[in-house]
N, C-alpha and C. Protein backbone atom coordinates (compact mmCIF):
# COMPACT_ATOMS: atom_id res chain seq x y z
N MET A 1 -8.36 -0.88 6.07
CA MET A 1 -7.75 -1.84 6.98
C MET A 1 -8.86 -2.72 7.58
N THR A 2 -8.51 -3.96 7.77
CA THR A 2 -9.45 -4.87 8.40
C THR A 2 -9.30 -4.78 9.91
N ALA A 3 -10.17 -5.50 10.63
CA ALA A 3 -10.10 -5.51 12.09
C ALA A 3 -8.77 -6.09 12.58
N THR A 4 -8.12 -6.92 11.78
CA THR A 4 -6.84 -7.51 12.17
C THR A 4 -5.67 -6.57 11.93
N GLY A 5 -5.95 -5.40 11.34
CA GLY A 5 -4.89 -4.45 11.08
C GLY A 5 -4.23 -4.63 9.73
N LYS A 6 -4.66 -5.63 8.95
CA LYS A 6 -4.09 -5.84 7.62
C LYS A 6 -4.89 -5.05 6.60
N PRO A 7 -4.25 -4.60 5.54
CA PRO A 7 -4.97 -3.88 4.50
C PRO A 7 -6.06 -4.74 3.90
N ASP A 8 -7.17 -4.13 3.52
CA ASP A 8 -8.28 -4.82 2.90
C ASP A 8 -8.20 -4.60 1.39
N PHE A 9 -7.98 -5.65 0.64
CA PHE A 9 -7.86 -5.57 -0.81
C PHE A 9 -9.01 -6.33 -1.44
N PRO A 10 -10.14 -5.66 -1.71
CA PRO A 10 -11.25 -6.38 -2.31
C PRO A 10 -10.85 -6.96 -3.67
N ASN A 11 -11.17 -8.24 -3.87
CA ASN A 11 -10.92 -8.92 -5.14
C ASN A 11 -9.45 -8.90 -5.55
N MET A 12 -8.55 -8.77 -4.62
CA MET A 12 -7.13 -8.75 -4.97
C MET A 12 -6.34 -9.51 -3.91
N GLU A 13 -5.66 -10.55 -4.33
CA GLU A 13 -4.83 -11.34 -3.43
C GLU A 13 -3.41 -10.78 -3.44
N VAL A 14 -2.89 -10.42 -2.29
CA VAL A 14 -1.53 -9.87 -2.23
C VAL A 14 -0.57 -10.81 -1.53
N THR A 15 -1.02 -11.98 -1.16
CA THR A 15 -0.09 -12.93 -0.56
C THR A 15 0.32 -13.92 -1.64
N GLY A 16 0.21 -15.18 -1.39
CA GLY A 16 0.65 -16.19 -2.35
C GLY A 16 2.02 -16.70 -1.97
N ALA A 17 2.42 -17.79 -2.59
CA ALA A 17 3.65 -18.48 -2.22
C ALA A 17 4.90 -17.61 -2.37
N PHE A 18 4.96 -16.83 -3.45
CA PHE A 18 6.16 -16.02 -3.70
C PHE A 18 6.36 -14.97 -2.62
N LEU A 19 5.33 -14.13 -2.38
CA LEU A 19 5.48 -13.09 -1.36
C LEU A 19 5.54 -13.68 0.04
N THR A 20 4.88 -14.82 0.25
CA THR A 20 4.97 -15.48 1.55
C THR A 20 6.40 -15.93 1.81
N SER A 21 7.07 -16.45 0.77
CA SER A 21 8.45 -16.89 0.96
C SER A 21 9.39 -15.71 1.24
N VAL A 22 9.11 -14.56 0.66
CA VAL A 22 9.91 -13.37 0.94
C VAL A 22 9.60 -12.85 2.35
N GLY A 23 8.34 -12.98 2.76
CA GLY A 23 7.94 -12.53 4.09
C GLY A 23 7.45 -11.10 4.14
N LEU A 24 7.02 -10.56 3.01
CA LEU A 24 6.54 -9.18 2.97
C LEU A 24 5.20 -9.06 3.68
N VAL A 25 5.17 -8.13 4.63
CA VAL A 25 3.95 -7.84 5.40
C VAL A 25 3.58 -6.39 5.14
N PHE A 26 2.37 -6.17 4.63
CA PHE A 26 1.89 -4.80 4.39
C PHE A 26 1.25 -4.25 5.65
N GLU A 27 1.60 -3.02 5.99
CA GLU A 27 1.03 -2.34 7.15
C GLU A 27 0.06 -1.24 6.75
N GLU A 28 0.34 -0.59 5.63
CA GLU A 28 -0.50 0.52 5.16
C GLU A 28 -0.49 0.51 3.64
N VAL A 29 -1.66 0.63 3.06
CA VAL A 29 -1.74 0.74 1.60
C VAL A 29 -2.87 1.68 1.24
N THR A 30 -2.54 2.70 0.47
CA THR A 30 -3.53 3.57 -0.16
C THR A 30 -3.13 3.67 -1.62
N GLY A 31 -3.88 4.40 -2.40
CA GLY A 31 -3.55 4.58 -3.80
C GLY A 31 -2.37 5.52 -4.03
N GLN A 32 -1.89 6.17 -2.97
CA GLN A 32 -0.76 7.08 -3.11
C GLN A 32 0.45 6.67 -2.27
N ARG A 33 0.26 5.70 -1.37
CA ARG A 33 1.34 5.33 -0.44
C ARG A 33 1.17 3.87 -0.03
N ALA A 34 2.29 3.18 0.14
CA ALA A 34 2.26 1.81 0.64
C ALA A 34 3.46 1.61 1.56
N ARG A 35 3.23 0.85 2.62
CA ARG A 35 4.29 0.63 3.61
C ARG A 35 4.20 -0.81 4.11
N GLY A 36 5.37 -1.44 4.25
CA GLY A 36 5.42 -2.79 4.77
C GLY A 36 6.82 -3.09 5.28
N TYR A 37 7.04 -4.34 5.66
CA TYR A 37 8.35 -4.74 6.17
C TYR A 37 8.62 -6.20 5.89
N VAL A 38 9.89 -6.56 5.98
CA VAL A 38 10.34 -7.94 5.87
C VAL A 38 11.37 -8.17 6.96
N GLU A 39 11.25 -9.29 7.65
CA GLU A 39 12.26 -9.71 8.63
C GLU A 39 13.30 -10.54 7.86
N LEU A 40 14.44 -9.95 7.59
CA LEU A 40 15.47 -10.61 6.80
C LEU A 40 16.27 -11.59 7.66
N ASN A 41 16.63 -12.73 7.04
CA ASN A 41 17.42 -13.74 7.75
C ASN A 41 18.18 -14.58 6.72
N ALA A 42 18.75 -15.67 7.16
CA ALA A 42 19.57 -16.51 6.28
C ALA A 42 18.79 -17.07 5.09
N ASP A 43 17.47 -17.18 5.18
CA ASP A 43 16.67 -17.64 4.04
C ASP A 43 16.75 -16.68 2.86
N HIS A 44 17.15 -15.44 3.10
CA HIS A 44 17.23 -14.43 2.05
C HIS A 44 18.65 -14.24 1.50
N HIS A 45 19.58 -15.06 1.95
CA HIS A 45 21.00 -14.85 1.64
C HIS A 45 21.43 -15.37 0.27
N THR A 46 22.49 -14.73 -0.23
CA THR A 46 23.26 -15.27 -1.35
C THR A 46 24.17 -16.35 -0.77
N PRO A 47 24.90 -17.08 -1.61
CA PRO A 47 25.87 -18.04 -1.07
C PRO A 47 26.97 -17.37 -0.23
N TRP A 48 27.11 -16.04 -0.32
CA TRP A 48 28.16 -15.32 0.41
C TRP A 48 27.68 -14.75 1.74
N GLY A 49 26.42 -15.06 2.12
CA GLY A 49 25.96 -14.70 3.45
C GLY A 49 25.36 -13.32 3.62
N VAL A 50 25.01 -12.66 2.53
CA VAL A 50 24.31 -11.37 2.62
C VAL A 50 22.99 -11.49 1.88
N VAL A 51 22.07 -10.57 2.18
CA VAL A 51 20.76 -10.60 1.55
C VAL A 51 20.91 -10.40 0.03
N HIS A 52 20.24 -11.24 -0.71
CA HIS A 52 20.25 -11.21 -2.18
C HIS A 52 19.55 -9.95 -2.68
N GLY A 53 20.16 -9.28 -3.66
CA GLY A 53 19.57 -8.08 -4.24
C GLY A 53 18.19 -8.32 -4.82
N GLY A 54 17.93 -9.54 -5.28
CA GLY A 54 16.62 -9.87 -5.81
C GLY A 54 15.53 -9.77 -4.76
N VAL A 55 15.88 -9.97 -3.50
CA VAL A 55 14.90 -9.80 -2.42
C VAL A 55 14.50 -8.33 -2.33
N TYR A 56 15.50 -7.44 -2.37
CA TYR A 56 15.19 -6.00 -2.33
C TYR A 56 14.34 -5.59 -3.53
N THR A 57 14.72 -6.09 -4.71
CA THR A 57 13.98 -5.76 -5.92
C THR A 57 12.55 -6.26 -5.83
N THR A 58 12.35 -7.45 -5.30
CA THR A 58 11.01 -8.02 -5.12
C THR A 58 10.17 -7.16 -4.18
N ILE A 59 10.76 -6.74 -3.08
CA ILE A 59 10.03 -5.91 -2.13
C ILE A 59 9.62 -4.59 -2.79
N ILE A 60 10.55 -3.97 -3.48
CA ILE A 60 10.28 -2.68 -4.12
C ILE A 60 9.19 -2.82 -5.17
N GLU A 61 9.29 -3.82 -6.04
CA GLU A 61 8.29 -4.05 -7.08
C GLU A 61 6.92 -4.33 -6.46
N SER A 62 6.89 -5.13 -5.41
CA SER A 62 5.62 -5.51 -4.79
C SER A 62 4.94 -4.34 -4.11
N VAL A 63 5.70 -3.54 -3.38
CA VAL A 63 5.12 -2.37 -2.71
C VAL A 63 4.54 -1.40 -3.74
N ALA A 64 5.30 -1.14 -4.81
CA ALA A 64 4.81 -0.23 -5.85
C ALA A 64 3.58 -0.81 -6.55
N SER A 65 3.61 -2.09 -6.88
CA SER A 65 2.50 -2.72 -7.61
C SER A 65 1.22 -2.73 -6.81
N VAL A 66 1.32 -3.02 -5.53
CA VAL A 66 0.11 -3.06 -4.70
C VAL A 66 -0.47 -1.66 -4.54
N GLY A 67 0.37 -0.67 -4.23
CA GLY A 67 -0.12 0.69 -4.09
C GLY A 67 -0.73 1.21 -5.39
N ALA A 68 -0.03 0.98 -6.50
CA ALA A 68 -0.53 1.44 -7.80
C ALA A 68 -1.82 0.73 -8.18
N SER A 69 -1.95 -0.55 -7.84
CA SER A 69 -3.18 -1.28 -8.14
C SER A 69 -4.36 -0.75 -7.33
N VAL A 70 -4.11 -0.42 -6.08
CA VAL A 70 -5.17 0.16 -5.26
C VAL A 70 -5.63 1.49 -5.86
N ALA A 71 -4.69 2.25 -6.44
CA ALA A 71 -5.03 3.55 -7.03
C ALA A 71 -6.00 3.43 -8.19
N VAL A 72 -5.97 2.32 -8.92
CA VAL A 72 -6.84 2.18 -10.10
C VAL A 72 -7.90 1.10 -9.94
N MET A 73 -7.99 0.53 -8.75
CA MET A 73 -8.94 -0.55 -8.49
C MET A 73 -10.38 -0.14 -8.79
N ASP A 74 -10.75 1.09 -8.41
CA ASP A 74 -12.13 1.53 -8.63
C ASP A 74 -12.46 1.73 -10.11
N LYS A 75 -11.47 1.69 -10.97
CA LYS A 75 -11.66 1.79 -12.42
C LYS A 75 -11.66 0.41 -13.08
N GLY A 76 -11.67 -0.65 -12.26
CA GLY A 76 -11.65 -2.00 -12.79
C GLY A 76 -10.30 -2.39 -13.37
N MET A 77 -9.23 -1.82 -12.81
CA MET A 77 -7.89 -2.06 -13.33
C MET A 77 -6.96 -2.53 -12.22
N PHE A 78 -5.78 -2.95 -12.63
CA PHE A 78 -4.66 -3.18 -11.72
C PHE A 78 -3.41 -2.70 -12.43
N ALA A 79 -2.30 -2.65 -11.72
CA ALA A 79 -1.07 -2.11 -12.29
C ALA A 79 0.01 -3.20 -12.33
N VAL A 80 0.72 -3.25 -13.45
CA VAL A 80 1.82 -4.20 -13.59
C VAL A 80 3.11 -3.43 -13.87
N GLY A 81 4.17 -3.88 -13.27
CA GLY A 81 5.46 -3.23 -13.47
C GLY A 81 5.97 -3.43 -14.89
N VAL A 82 6.44 -2.35 -15.49
CA VAL A 82 7.05 -2.43 -16.83
C VAL A 82 8.52 -2.02 -16.78
N ASN A 83 8.95 -1.44 -15.67
CA ASN A 83 10.37 -1.11 -15.49
C ASN A 83 10.64 -0.96 -14.00
N ASN A 84 11.75 -1.54 -13.56
CA ASN A 84 12.15 -1.46 -12.16
C ASN A 84 13.64 -1.13 -12.14
N ASN A 85 13.98 0.02 -11.57
CA ASN A 85 15.38 0.40 -11.39
C ASN A 85 15.66 0.44 -9.91
N THR A 86 16.44 -0.51 -9.45
CA THR A 86 16.75 -0.60 -8.02
C THR A 86 18.24 -0.33 -7.80
N ASP A 87 18.52 0.55 -6.85
CA ASP A 87 19.89 0.84 -6.43
C ASP A 87 20.12 0.15 -5.09
N PHE A 88 21.18 -0.65 -5.02
CA PHE A 88 21.54 -1.35 -3.79
C PHE A 88 22.62 -0.53 -3.10
N LEU A 89 22.32 -0.04 -1.91
CA LEU A 89 23.21 0.92 -1.25
C LEU A 89 23.99 0.35 -0.09
N SER A 90 23.46 -0.70 0.53
CA SER A 90 24.14 -1.26 1.69
C SER A 90 23.73 -2.72 1.84
N SER A 91 24.67 -3.59 2.19
CA SER A 91 24.33 -5.00 2.38
C SER A 91 23.90 -5.24 3.83
N LEU A 92 23.06 -6.25 3.99
CA LEU A 92 22.60 -6.67 5.31
C LEU A 92 22.68 -8.18 5.40
N ARG A 93 22.76 -8.67 6.62
CA ARG A 93 22.71 -10.11 6.87
C ARG A 93 21.37 -10.51 7.48
N GLU A 94 20.83 -9.62 8.31
CA GLU A 94 19.56 -9.93 8.98
C GLU A 94 18.96 -8.65 9.55
N GLY A 95 17.72 -8.77 10.00
CA GLY A 95 17.02 -7.66 10.62
C GLY A 95 15.83 -7.20 9.80
N ARG A 96 15.04 -6.34 10.39
CA ARG A 96 13.86 -5.83 9.72
C ARG A 96 14.23 -4.72 8.75
N VAL A 97 13.69 -4.82 7.55
CA VAL A 97 13.82 -3.74 6.57
C VAL A 97 12.40 -3.22 6.31
N VAL A 98 12.26 -1.91 6.40
CA VAL A 98 10.97 -1.25 6.21
C VAL A 98 10.92 -0.66 4.81
N ALA A 99 9.85 -0.94 4.10
CA ALA A 99 9.67 -0.45 2.74
C ALA A 99 8.58 0.62 2.73
N GLU A 100 8.92 1.79 2.21
CA GLU A 100 7.94 2.87 2.09
C GLU A 100 7.92 3.34 0.65
N GLY A 101 6.74 3.29 0.05
CA GLY A 101 6.59 3.69 -1.33
C GLY A 101 5.58 4.81 -1.48
N GLU A 102 5.85 5.71 -2.42
CA GLU A 102 4.94 6.82 -2.72
C GLU A 102 4.83 7.01 -4.21
N ALA A 103 3.63 7.38 -4.64
CA ALA A 103 3.41 7.68 -6.05
C ALA A 103 4.12 8.98 -6.39
N VAL A 104 4.86 8.97 -7.49
CA VAL A 104 5.52 10.16 -8.01
C VAL A 104 4.64 10.77 -9.10
N HIS A 105 4.05 9.90 -9.92
CA HIS A 105 3.16 10.33 -11.00
C HIS A 105 2.09 9.26 -11.19
N GLN A 106 0.85 9.70 -11.35
CA GLN A 106 -0.25 8.76 -11.60
C GLN A 106 -1.07 9.27 -12.77
N GLY A 107 -0.83 8.67 -13.92
CA GLY A 107 -1.54 9.05 -15.14
C GLY A 107 -2.63 8.05 -15.47
N ARG A 108 -3.30 8.31 -16.57
CA ARG A 108 -4.39 7.45 -17.01
C ARG A 108 -3.87 6.07 -17.41
N VAL A 109 -2.66 6.04 -18.02
CA VAL A 109 -2.12 4.79 -18.55
C VAL A 109 -0.97 4.24 -17.70
N GLN A 110 -0.13 5.12 -17.16
CA GLN A 110 1.02 4.66 -16.40
C GLN A 110 1.17 5.42 -15.09
N GLN A 111 1.92 4.78 -14.19
CA GLN A 111 2.25 5.39 -12.90
C GLN A 111 3.76 5.23 -12.67
N LEU A 112 4.30 6.09 -11.83
CA LEU A 112 5.69 5.99 -11.40
C LEU A 112 5.70 6.06 -9.89
N TRP A 113 6.36 5.08 -9.26
CA TRP A 113 6.46 5.01 -7.80
C TRP A 113 7.92 4.99 -7.39
N LEU A 114 8.20 5.60 -6.23
CA LEU A 114 9.51 5.56 -5.60
C LEU A 114 9.37 4.78 -4.30
N VAL A 115 10.22 3.79 -4.11
CA VAL A 115 10.18 2.97 -2.90
C VAL A 115 11.57 2.97 -2.26
N GLU A 116 11.62 3.20 -0.95
CA GLU A 116 12.87 3.15 -0.20
C GLU A 116 12.81 2.04 0.84
N LEU A 117 13.93 1.33 0.99
CA LEU A 117 14.06 0.30 2.01
C LEU A 117 15.06 0.78 3.04
N ARG A 118 14.64 0.77 4.29
CA ARG A 118 15.50 1.26 5.38
C ARG A 118 15.49 0.25 6.53
N THR A 119 16.60 0.25 7.28
CA THR A 119 16.63 -0.52 8.52
C THR A 119 15.74 0.20 9.52
N GLU A 120 15.45 -0.45 10.62
CA GLU A 120 14.65 0.21 11.66
C GLU A 120 15.35 1.43 12.22
N ALA A 121 16.67 1.46 12.15
CA ALA A 121 17.43 2.62 12.61
C ALA A 121 17.42 3.75 11.58
N GLY A 122 16.83 3.50 10.41
CA GLY A 122 16.71 4.54 9.40
C GLY A 122 17.76 4.53 8.31
N LYS A 123 18.69 3.58 8.34
CA LYS A 123 19.74 3.52 7.32
C LYS A 123 19.14 3.06 5.99
N LEU A 124 19.39 3.84 4.93
CA LEU A 124 18.90 3.51 3.59
C LEU A 124 19.70 2.33 3.04
N VAL A 125 18.99 1.26 2.69
CA VAL A 125 19.61 0.03 2.20
C VAL A 125 19.48 -0.08 0.68
N ALA A 126 18.32 0.28 0.17
CA ALA A 126 18.06 0.24 -1.28
C ALA A 126 16.94 1.20 -1.59
N ARG A 127 16.92 1.65 -2.85
CA ARG A 127 15.81 2.49 -3.31
C ARG A 127 15.55 2.12 -4.75
N GLY A 128 14.30 2.27 -5.14
CA GLY A 128 13.97 1.92 -6.51
C GLY A 128 12.81 2.74 -7.03
N THR A 129 12.81 2.93 -8.34
CA THR A 129 11.66 3.51 -9.01
C THR A 129 11.05 2.41 -9.87
N VAL A 130 9.73 2.37 -9.86
CA VAL A 130 9.00 1.38 -10.64
C VAL A 130 7.99 2.10 -11.50
N ARG A 131 8.08 1.88 -12.82
CA ARG A 131 7.07 2.39 -13.74
C ARG A 131 6.09 1.27 -13.98
N LEU A 132 4.79 1.61 -13.87
CA LEU A 132 3.75 0.60 -13.96
C LEU A 132 2.72 0.98 -15.01
N GLN A 133 2.16 -0.03 -15.64
CA GLN A 133 1.11 0.14 -16.65
C GLN A 133 -0.22 -0.22 -15.98
N ASN A 134 -1.22 0.64 -16.15
CA ASN A 134 -2.57 0.35 -15.67
C ASN A 134 -3.27 -0.49 -16.72
N VAL A 135 -3.74 -1.68 -16.35
CA VAL A 135 -4.39 -2.58 -17.29
C VAL A 135 -5.73 -3.04 -16.75
N PRO A 136 -6.68 -3.35 -17.65
CA PRO A 136 -7.99 -3.84 -17.18
C PRO A 136 -7.84 -5.18 -16.48
N ARG A 137 -8.65 -5.38 -15.44
CA ARG A 137 -8.63 -6.68 -14.75
C ARG A 137 -9.10 -7.78 -15.69
N GLU A 138 -10.06 -7.47 -16.52
CA GLU A 138 -10.53 -8.46 -17.51
C GLU A 138 -10.27 -7.88 -18.88
N ARG A 139 -9.53 -8.63 -19.66
CA ARG A 139 -9.21 -8.20 -21.03
C ARG A 139 -10.43 -8.41 -21.93
N PRO A 140 -10.69 -7.46 -22.83
CA PRO A 140 -11.79 -7.67 -23.79
C PRO A 140 -11.47 -8.86 -24.70
N SER A 141 -12.54 -9.61 -25.09
CA SER A 141 -12.31 -10.78 -25.96
C SER A 141 -12.19 -10.38 -27.40
């Protein structure tokens, strides 16, 4: 963690326009666990006024990818999602959703992460498993 309380990701950018537009804020990241939140509002809605499932899927994929990448960073690698199974359990219109992810399996080539999204009151909104491939940061020529 940096002095500002944000995770320190050497040589790895975790913001960017896409995640900035979603509003994902990381609070804790290790190679075995990642935690963050998003303040959901009308910007995240479907035309029917509820949060789009793609927002939940994005949060789940991002939390798993960042945690898994931190796990292999010291090996000169990062992790990319190769499968994401997200279950949508409850719809929301607004409010903070907290994402907590943990490594289920961490192998030499692949990892499996479980991520849960909950309201601040603890209600489970969505959960997903993400299988990730560990790949070199620089591909051999």
